[in-house]
PDB file of N, CA and C in Angstrom:
ATOM      1  N   MET A   1     121.045 145.071  96.786  1.00  0.00           N
ATOM      2  CA  MET A   1     122.139 145.997  96.590  1.00  0.00           C
ATOM      3  C   MET A   1     122.540 146.072  95.122  1.00  0.00           C
ATOM      4  N   TYR A   2     122.515 144.949  94.425  1.00  0.00           N
ATOM      5  CA  TYR A   2     122.870 144.947  93.015  1.00  0.00           C
ATOM      6  C   TYR A   2     121.878 145.758  92.197  1.00  0.00           C
ATOM      7  N   PHE A   3     120.621 145.771  92.616  1.00  0.00           N
ATOM      8  CA  PHE A   3     119.599 146.536  91.915  1.00  0.00           C
ATOM      9  C   PHE A   3     119.970 148.015  91.886  1.00  0.00           C
ATOM     10  N   LEU A   4     120.402 148.554  93.013  1.00  0.00           N
ATOM     11  CA  LEU A   4     120.803 149.952  93.069  1.00  0.00           C
ATOM     12  C   LEU A   4     122.045 150.212  92.210  1.00  0.00           C
ATOM     13  N   TRP A   5     122.954 149.255  92.190  1.00  0.00           N
ATOM     14  CA  TRP A   5     124.164 149.397  91.378  1.00  0.00           C
ATOM     15  C   TRP A   5     123.803 149.459  89.899  1.00  0.00           C
ATOM     16  N   TYR A   6     122.870 148.597  89.459  1.00  0.00           N
ATOM     17  CA  TYR A   6     122.463 148.613  88.056  1.00  0.00           C
ATOM     18  C   TYR A   6     121.688 149.874  87.711  1.00  0.00           C
ATOM     19  N   LEU A   7     120.938 150.423  88.656  1.00  0.00           N
ATOM     20  CA  LEU A   7     120.278 151.701  88.427  1.00  0.00           C
ATOM     21  C   LEU A   7     121.308 152.813  88.233  1.00  0.00           C
ATOM     22  N   LEU A   8     122.353 152.797  89.038  1.00  0.00           N
ATOM     23  CA  LEU A   8     123.409 153.795  88.915  1.00  0.00           C
ATOM     24  C   LEU A   8     124.138 153.661  87.575  1.00  0.00           C
ATOM     25  N   ILE A   9     124.417 152.444  87.174  1.00  0.00           N
ATOM     26  CA  ILE A   9     125.065 152.210  85.877  1.00  0.00           C
ATOM     27  C   ILE A   9     124.155 152.702  84.756  1.00  0.00           C
ATOM     28  N   GLY A  10     122.861 152.407  84.845  1.00  0.00           N
ATOM     29  CA  GLY A  10     121.910 152.877  83.837  1.00  0.00           C
ATOM     30  C   GLY A  10     121.826 154.389  83.783  1.00  0.00           C
ATOM     31  N   LEU A  11     121.855 155.021  84.947  1.00  0.00           N
ATOM     32  CA  LEU A  11     121.803 156.474  85.005  1.00  0.00           C
ATOM     33  C   LEU A  11     123.030 157.096  84.349  1.00  0.00           C
ATOM     34  N   VAL A  12     124.200 156.575  84.648  1.00  0.00           N
ATOM     35  CA  VAL A  12     125.439 157.099  84.054  1.00  0.00           C
ATOM     36  C   VAL A  12     125.455 156.849  82.546  1.00  0.00           C
ATOM     37  N   ALA A  13     125.059 155.663  82.119  1.00  0.00           N
ATOM     38  CA  ALA A  13     125.055 155.341  80.688  1.00  0.00           C
ATOM     39  C   ALA A  13     124.060 156.219  79.939  1.00  0.00           C
ATOM     40  N   GLY A  14     122.882 156.422  80.504  1.00  0.00           N
ATOM     41  CA  GLY A  14     121.888 157.275  79.859  1.00  0.00           C
ATOM     42  C   GLY A  14     122.357 158.719  79.767  1.00  0.00           C
ATOM     43  N   TRP A  15     122.997 159.206  80.831  1.00  0.00           N
ATOM     44  CA  TRP A  15     123.504 160.573  80.828  1.00  0.00           C
ATOM     45  C   TRP A  15     124.605 160.748  79.778  1.00  0.00           C
ATOM     46  N   LEU A  16     125.543 159.797  79.728  1.00  0.00           N
ATOM     47  CA  LEU A  16     126.635 159.875  78.752  1.00  0.00           C
ATOM     48  C   LEU A  16     126.105 159.788  77.319  1.00  0.00           C
ATOM     49  N   ALA A  17     125.123 158.908  77.105  1.00  0.00           N
ATOM     50  CA  ALA A  17     124.548 158.771  75.766  1.00  0.00           C
ATOM     51  C   ALA A  17     123.824 160.049  75.358  1.00  0.00           C
ATOM     52  N   ASN A  18     123.090 160.667  76.292  1.00  0.00           N
ATOM     53  CA  ASN A  18     122.430 161.933  75.985  1.00  0.00           C
ATOM     54  C   ASN A  18     123.439 163.034  75.688  1.00  0.00           C
ATOM     55  N   LEU A  19     124.558 163.044  76.394  1.00  0.00           N
ATOM     56  CA  LEU A  19     125.598 164.027  76.108  1.00  0.00           C
ATOM     57  C   LEU A  19     126.161 163.838  74.705  1.00  0.00           C
ATOM     58  N   LEU A  20     126.352 162.585  74.301  1.00  0.00           N
ATOM     59  CA  LEU A  20     126.919 162.302  72.992  1.00  0.00           C
ATOM     60  C   LEU A  20     125.926 162.608  71.870  1.00  0.00           C
ATOM     61  N   VAL A  21     124.684 162.178  72.033  1.00  0.00           N
ATOM     62  CA  VAL A  21     123.707 162.296  70.950  1.00  0.00           C
ATOM     63  C   VAL A  21     123.088 163.690  70.899  1.00  0.00           C
ATOM     64  N   LYS A  22     122.661 164.209  72.048  1.00  0.00           N
ATOM     65  CA  LYS A  22     121.950 165.486  72.068  1.00  0.00           C
ATOM     66  C   LYS A  22     122.833 166.669  72.444  1.00  0.00           C
ATOM     67  N   GLY A  23     123.915 166.413  73.137  1.00  0.00           N
ATOM     68  CA  GLY A  23     124.773 167.490  73.576  1.00  0.00           C
ATOM     69  C   GLY A  23     124.470 167.976  74.975  1.00  0.00           C
ATOM     70  N   HIS A  24     123.427 167.420  75.602  1.00  0.00           N
ATOM     71  CA  HIS A  24     123.068 167.779  76.978  1.00  0.00           C
ATOM     72  C   HIS A  24     122.252 166.632  77.574  1.00  0.00           C
ATOM     73  N   GLY A  25     122.185 166.592  78.867  1.00  0.00           N
ATOM     74  CA  GLY A  25     121.389 165.579  79.545  1.00  0.00           C
ATOM     75  C   GLY A  25     119.911 165.898  79.443  1.00  0.00           C
ATOM     76  N   SER A  26     119.070 164.919  79.752  1.00  0.00           N
ATOM     77  CA  SER A  26     117.628 165.115  79.641  1.00  0.00           C
ATOM     78  C   SER A  26     116.922 165.039  80.980  1.00  0.00           C
ATOM     79  N   GLY A  27     117.640 165.045  82.045  1.00  0.00           N
ATOM     80  CA  GLY A  27     117.017 164.939  83.355  1.00  0.00           C
ATOM     81  C   GLY A  27     117.231 163.557  83.954  1.00  0.00           C
ATOM     82  N   LEU A  28     117.088 163.478  85.260  1.00  0.00           N
ATOM     83  CA  LEU A  28     117.393 162.259  86.003  1.00  0.00           C
ATOM     84  C   LEU A  28     116.555 161.070  85.544  1.00  0.00           C
ATOM     85  N   VAL A  29     115.250 161.245  85.477  1.00  0.00           N
ATOM     86  CA  VAL A  29     114.354 160.125  85.160  1.00  0.00           C
ATOM     87  C   VAL A  29     114.544 159.653  83.725  1.00  0.00           C
ATOM     88  N   ILE A  30     114.619 160.584  82.782  1.00  0.00           N
ATOM     89  CA  ILE A  30     114.791 160.205  81.369  1.00  0.00           C
ATOM     90  C   ILE A  30     116.137 159.527  81.162  1.00  0.00           C
ATOM     91  N   ASN A  31     117.195 160.062  81.757  1.00  0.00           N
ATOM     92  CA  ASN A  31     118.512 159.426  81.642  1.00  0.00           C
ATOM     93  C   ASN A  31     118.486 158.018  82.216  1.00  0.00           C
ATOM     94  N   LEU A  32     117.792 157.831  83.341  1.00  0.00           N
ATOM     95  CA  LEU A  32     117.702 156.510  83.963  1.00  0.00           C
ATOM     96  C   LEU A  32     116.944 155.539  83.066  1.00  0.00           C
ATOM     97  N   ILE A  33     115.832 155.964  82.515  1.00  0.00           N
ATOM     98  CA  ILE A  33     115.037 155.098  81.632  1.00  0.00           C
ATOM     99  C   ILE A  33     115.819 154.745  80.375  1.00  0.00           C
ATOM    100  N   VAL A  34     116.467 155.740  79.773  1.00  0.00           N
ATOM    101  CA  VAL A  34     117.271 155.493  78.571  1.00  0.00           C
ATOM    102  C   VAL A  34     118.411 154.527  78.883  1.00  0.00           C
ATOM    103  N   GLY A  35     119.049 154.691  80.034  1.00  0.00           N
ATOM    104  CA  GLY A  35     120.156 153.801  80.407  1.00  0.00           C
ATOM    105  C   GLY A  35     119.708 152.376  80.677  1.00  0.00           C
ATOM    106  N   ILE A  36     118.568 152.204  81.340  1.00  0.00           N
ATOM    107  CA  ILE A  36     118.084 150.851  81.634  1.00  0.00           C
ATOM    108  C   ILE A  36     117.645 150.141  80.355  1.00  0.00           C
ATOM    109  N   ILE A  37     116.862 150.826  79.526  1.00  0.00           N
ATOM    110  CA  ILE A  37     116.461 150.216  78.253  1.00  0.00           C
ATOM    111  C   ILE A  37     117.684 150.006  77.367  1.00  0.00           C
ATOM    112  N   GLY A  38     118.616 150.949  77.424  1.00  0.00           N
ATOM    113  CA  GLY A  38     119.866 150.808  76.671  1.00  0.00           C
ATOM    114  C   GLY A  38     120.687 149.617  77.133  1.00  0.00           C
ATOM    115  N   GLY A  39     120.636 149.306  78.433  1.00  0.00           N
ATOM    116  CA  GLY A  39     121.343 148.134  78.941  1.00  0.00           C
ATOM    117  C   GLY A  39     120.792 146.845  78.360  1.00  0.00           C
ATOM    118  N   ILE A  40     119.476 146.771  78.265  1.00  0.00           N
ATOM    119  CA  ILE A  40     118.843 145.587  77.665  1.00  0.00           C
ATOM    120  C   ILE A  40     119.180 145.507  76.182  1.00  0.00           C
ATOM    121  N   LEU A  41     119.023 146.632  75.490  1.00  0.00           N
ATOM    122  CA  LEU A  41     119.309 146.676  74.058  1.00  0.00           C
ATOM    123  C   LEU A  41     120.786 146.419  73.774  1.00  0.00           C
ATOM    124  N   GLY A  42     121.662 147.021  74.580  1.00  0.00           N
ATOM    125  CA  GLY A  42     123.098 146.828  74.386  1.00  0.00           C
ATOM    126  C   GLY A  42     123.533 145.399  74.635  1.00  0.00           C
ATOM    127  N   GLY A  43     122.967 144.773  75.668  1.00  0.00           N
ATOM    128  CA  GLY A  43     123.267 143.361  75.917  1.00  0.00           C
ATOM    129  C   GLY A  43     122.843 142.478  74.763  1.00  0.00           C
ATOM    130  N   TRP A  44     121.680 142.798  74.189  1.00  0.00           N
ATOM    131  CA  TRP A  44     121.185 142.026  73.054  1.00  0.00           C
ATOM    132  C   TRP A  44     122.079 142.239  71.827  1.00  0.00           C
ATOM    133  N   ILE A  45     122.464 143.491  71.560  1.00  0.00           N
ATOM    134  CA  ILE A  45     123.321 143.788  70.407  1.00  0.00           C
ATOM    135  C   ILE A  45     124.679 143.103  70.558  1.00  0.00           C
ATOM    136  N   LEU A  46     125.266 143.185  71.756  1.00  0.00           N
ATOM    137  CA  LEU A  46     126.562 142.535  71.967  1.00  0.00           C
ATOM    138  C   LEU A  46     126.454 141.021  71.837  1.00  0.00           C
ATOM    139  N   SER A  47     125.332 140.437  72.279  1.00  0.00           N
ATOM    140  CA  SER A  47     125.174 138.984  72.147  1.00  0.00           C
ATOM    141  C   SER A  47     125.065 138.568  70.682  1.00  0.00           C
ATOM    142  N   LEU A  48     124.485 139.437  69.846  1.00  0.00           N
ATOM    143  CA  LEU A  48     124.429 139.141  68.412  1.00  0.00           C
ATOM    144  C   LEU A  48     125.828 139.124  67.797  1.00  0.00           C
ATOM    145  N   LEU A  49     126.720 139.924  68.378  1.00  0.00           N
ATOM    146  CA  LEU A  49     128.101 139.976  67.898  1.00  0.00           C
ATOM    147  C   LEU A  49     128.989 138.922  68.549  1.00  0.00           C
ATOM    148  N   GLY A  50     128.406 138.117  69.454  1.00  0.00           N
ATOM    149  CA  GLY A  50     129.176 137.079  70.130  1.00  0.00           C
ATOM    150  C   GLY A  50     129.965 137.587  71.316  1.00  0.00           C
ATOM    151  N   LEU A  51     129.621 138.769  71.823  1.00  0.00           N
ATOM    152  CA  LEU A  51     130.330 139.357  72.955  1.00  0.00           C
ATOM    153  C   LEU A  51     129.455 139.308  74.202  1.00  0.00           C
ATOM    154  N   VAL A  52     130.092 139.300  75.361  1.00  0.00           N
ATOM    155  CA  VAL A  52     129.382 139.288  76.632  1.00  0.00           C
ATOM    156  C   VAL A  52     129.964 140.391  77.505  1.00  0.00           C
ATOM    157  N   ALA A  53     129.075 141.205  78.084  1.00  0.00           N
ATOM    158  CA  ALA A  53     129.513 142.259  78.998  1.00  0.00           C
ATOM    159  C   ALA A  53     129.812 141.640  80.356  1.00  0.00           C
ATOM    160  N   VAL A  54     131.034 141.824  80.837  1.00  0.00           N
ATOM    161  CA  VAL A  54     131.452 141.238  82.103  1.00  0.00           C
ATOM    162  C   VAL A  54     131.870 142.362  83.050  1.00  0.00           C
ATOM    163  N   GLY A  55     131.369 142.326  84.259  1.00  0.00           N
ATOM    164  CA  GLY A  55     131.757 143.286  85.282  1.00  0.00           C
ATOM    165  C   GLY A  55     131.061 144.623  85.132  1.00  0.00           C
ATOM    166  N   THR A  56     131.436 145.526  86.005  1.00  0.00           N
ATOM    167  CA  THR A  56     130.821 146.850  86.031  1.00  0.00           C
ATOM    168  C   THR A  56     131.147 147.640  84.767  1.00  0.00           C
ATOM    169  N   PHE A  57     132.397 147.634  84.361  1.00  0.00           N
ATOM    170  CA  PHE A  57     132.789 148.384  83.173  1.00  0.00           C
ATOM    171  C   PHE A  57     132.121 147.817  81.923  1.00  0.00           C
ATOM    172  N   GLY A  58     132.038 146.501  81.826  1.00  0.00           N
ATOM    173  CA  GLY A  58     131.367 145.879  80.694  1.00  0.00           C
ATOM    174  C   GLY A  58     129.888 146.215  80.658  1.00  0.00           C
ATOM    175  N   SER A  59     129.248 146.235  81.824  1.00  0.00           N
ATOM    176  CA  SER A  59     127.834 146.613  81.897  1.00  0.00           C
ATOM    177  C   SER A  59     127.637 148.060  81.491  1.00  0.00           C
ATOM    178  N   LEU A  60     128.560 148.924  81.907  1.00  0.00           N
ATOM    179  CA  LEU A  60     128.470 150.337  81.539  1.00  0.00           C
ATOM    180  C   LEU A  60     128.634 150.513  80.031  1.00  0.00           C
ATOM    181  N   ILE A  61     129.570 149.823  79.444  1.00  0.00           N
ATOM    182  CA  ILE A  61     129.794 149.910  77.996  1.00  0.00           C
ATOM    183  C   ILE A  61     128.573 149.389  77.234  1.00  0.00           C
ATOM    184  N   ALA A  62     128.035 148.240  77.653  1.00  0.00           N
ATOM    185  CA  ALA A  62     126.860 147.671  76.985  1.00  0.00           C
ATOM    186  C   ALA A  62     125.662 148.614  77.112  1.00  0.00           C
ATOM    187  N   SER A  63     125.466 149.191  78.290  1.00  0.00           N
ATOM    188  CA  SER A  63     124.365 150.128  78.490  1.00  0.00           C
ATOM    189  C   SER A  63     124.548 151.386  77.654  1.00  0.00           C
ATOM    190  N   PHE A  64     125.769 151.869  77.578  1.00  0.00           N
ATOM    191  CA  PHE A  64     126.061 153.062  76.785  1.00  0.00           C
ATOM    192  C   PHE A  64     125.801 152.816  75.302  1.00  0.00           C
ATOM    193  N   VAL A  65     126.279 151.683  74.796  1.00  0.00           N
ATOM    194  CA  VAL A  65     126.067 151.351  73.378  1.00  0.00           C
ATOM    195  C   VAL A  65     124.573 151.245  73.084  1.00  0.00           C
ATOM    196  N   GLY A  66     123.859 150.540  73.941  1.00  0.00           N
ATOM    197  CA  GLY A  66     122.423 150.394  73.745  1.00  0.00           C
ATOM    198  C   GLY A  66     121.685 151.715  73.852  1.00  0.00           C
ATOM    199  N   ALA A  67     122.082 152.573  74.784  1.00  0.00           N
ATOM    200  CA  ALA A  67     121.428 153.871  74.947  1.00  0.00           C
ATOM    201  C   ALA A  67     121.674 154.767  73.742  1.00  0.00           C
ATOM    202  N   VAL A  68     122.882 154.739  73.198  1.00  0.00           N
ATOM    203  CA  VAL A  68     123.169 155.531  72.000  1.00  0.00           C
ATOM    204  C   VAL A  68     122.323 155.032  70.832  1.00  0.00           C
ATOM    205  N   VAL A  69     122.233 153.725  70.654  1.00  0.00           N
ATOM    206  CA  VAL A  69     121.406 153.163  69.579  1.00  0.00           C
ATOM    207  C   VAL A  69     119.941 153.541  69.800  1.00  0.00           C
ATOM    208  N   LEU A  70     119.468 153.456  71.032  1.00  0.00           N
ATOM    209  CA  LEU A  70     118.086 153.814  71.349  1.00  0.00           C
ATOM    210  C   LEU A  70     117.812 155.280  71.019  1.00  0.00           C
ATOM    211  N   LEU A  71     118.686 156.176  71.412  1.00  0.00           N
ATOM    212  CA  LEU A  71     118.493 157.592  71.115  1.00  0.00           C
ATOM    213  C   LEU A  71     118.602 157.878  69.620  1.00  0.00           C
ATOM    214  N   TRP A  72     119.459 157.147  68.949  1.00  0.00           N
ATOM    215  CA  TRP A  72     119.592 157.309  67.507  1.00  0.00           C
ATOM    216  C   TRP A  72     118.310 156.879  66.792  1.00  0.00           C
ATOM    217  N   ILE A  73     117.736 155.755  67.211  1.00  0.00           N
ATOM    218  CA  ILE A  73     116.474 155.278  66.632  1.00  0.00           C
ATOM    219  C   ILE A  73     115.349 156.267  66.936  1.00  0.00           C
ATOM    220  N   ALA A  74     115.307 156.765  68.171  1.00  0.00           N
ATOM    221  CA  ALA A  74     114.278 157.743  68.538  1.00  0.00           C
ATOM    222  C   ALA A  74     114.401 159.012  67.706  1.00  0.00           C
ATOM    223  N   ALA A  75     115.628 159.446  67.424  1.00  0.00           N
ATOM    224  CA  ALA A  75     115.832 160.639  66.607  1.00  0.00           C
ATOM    225  C   ALA A  75     115.381 160.409  65.173  1.00  0.00           C
ATOM    226  N   LEU A  76     115.555 159.190  64.669  1.00  0.00           N
ATOM    227  CA  LEU A  76     115.097 158.883  63.313  1.00  0.00           C
ATOM    228  C   LEU A  76     113.575 158.859  63.217  1.00  0.00           C
ATOM    229  N   LEU A  77     112.930 158.373  64.271  1.00  0.00           N
ATOM    230  CA  LEU A  77     111.472 158.250  64.260  1.00  0.00           C
ATOM    231  C   LEU A  77     110.764 159.576  64.516  1.00  0.00           C
ATOM    232  N   THR A  78     111.396 160.470  65.215  1.00  0.00           N
ATOM    233  CA  THR A  78     110.785 161.764  65.511  1.00  0.00           C
ATOM    234  C   THR A  78     111.535 162.840  64.758  1.00  0.00           C
ATOM    235  N   SER A  79     110.962 163.264  63.658  1.00  0.00           N
ATOM    236  CA  SER A  79     111.617 164.309  62.875  1.00  0.00           C
ATOM    237  C   SER A  79     111.303 165.659  63.515  1.00  0.00           C
ATOM    238  N   PRO A  80     112.235 166.562  63.454  1.00  0.00           N
ATOM    239  CA  PRO A  80     111.989 167.875  64.038  1.00  0.00           C
ATOM    240  C   PRO A  80     110.873 168.612  63.295  1.00  0.00           C
ATOM    241  N   ALA A  81     110.070 169.316  64.052  1.00  0.00           N
ATOM    242  CA  ALA A  81     108.972 170.073  63.433  1.00  0.00           C
ATOM    243  C   ALA A  81     109.545 171.200  62.585  1.00  0.00           C
ATOM    244  N   LYS A  82     109.064 171.280  61.395  1.00  0.00           N
ATOM    245  CA  LYS A  82     109.523 172.342  60.505  1.00  0.00           C
ATOM    246  C   LYS A  82     108.785 173.622  60.857  1.00  0.00           C
ATOM    247  N   LYS A  83     109.538 174.650  61.050  1.00  0.00           N
ATOM    248  CA  LYS A  83     108.949 175.932  61.405  1.00  0.00           C
ATOM    249  C   LYS A  83     108.745 176.751  60.139  1.00  0.00           C
ATOM    250  N   HIS A  84     107.536 177.209  59.985  1.00  0.00           N
ATOM    251  CA  HIS A  84     107.231 178.068  58.851  1.00  0.00           C
ATOM    252  C   HIS A  84     107.274 179.505  59.322  1.00  0.00           C
ATOM    253  N   VAL A  85     108.008 180.291  58.598  1.00  0.00           N
ATOM    254  CA  VAL A  85     108.128 181.705  58.937  1.00  0.00           C
ATOM    255  C   VAL A  85     107.222 182.478  57.993  1.00  0.00           C
ATOM    256  N   SER A  86     106.255 183.145  58.560  1.00  0.00           N
ATOM    257  CA  SER A  86     105.361 183.944  57.722  1.00  0.00           C
ATOM    258  C   SER A  86     105.887 185.372  57.620  1.00  0.00           C
ATOM    259  N   LYS A  87     105.849 185.899  56.424  1.00  0.00           N
ATOM    260  CA  LYS A  87     106.364 187.256  56.193  1.00  0.00           C
ATOM    261  C   LYS A  87     105.234 188.191  55.903  1.00  0.00           C
TER     262      LYS A  87
END
């Protein structure tokens, strides 16, 4: 049962992070993957700061922070394709 709860938390965190970074969601599967990886990354980042995510709200915050950092890193690594306009 906890597995499903963490999937739901990851899905919400990924969706919120996509709304903040991109301005729109990226679909169910991508939001879920971003939220789950963000949960791992966020937990690691908070542990470096000496903080621990406790409870559902803490897990959501840690996942959200990690997902935003993950999307920010992905945006830095993938530069937008420059469009050349031929006249």
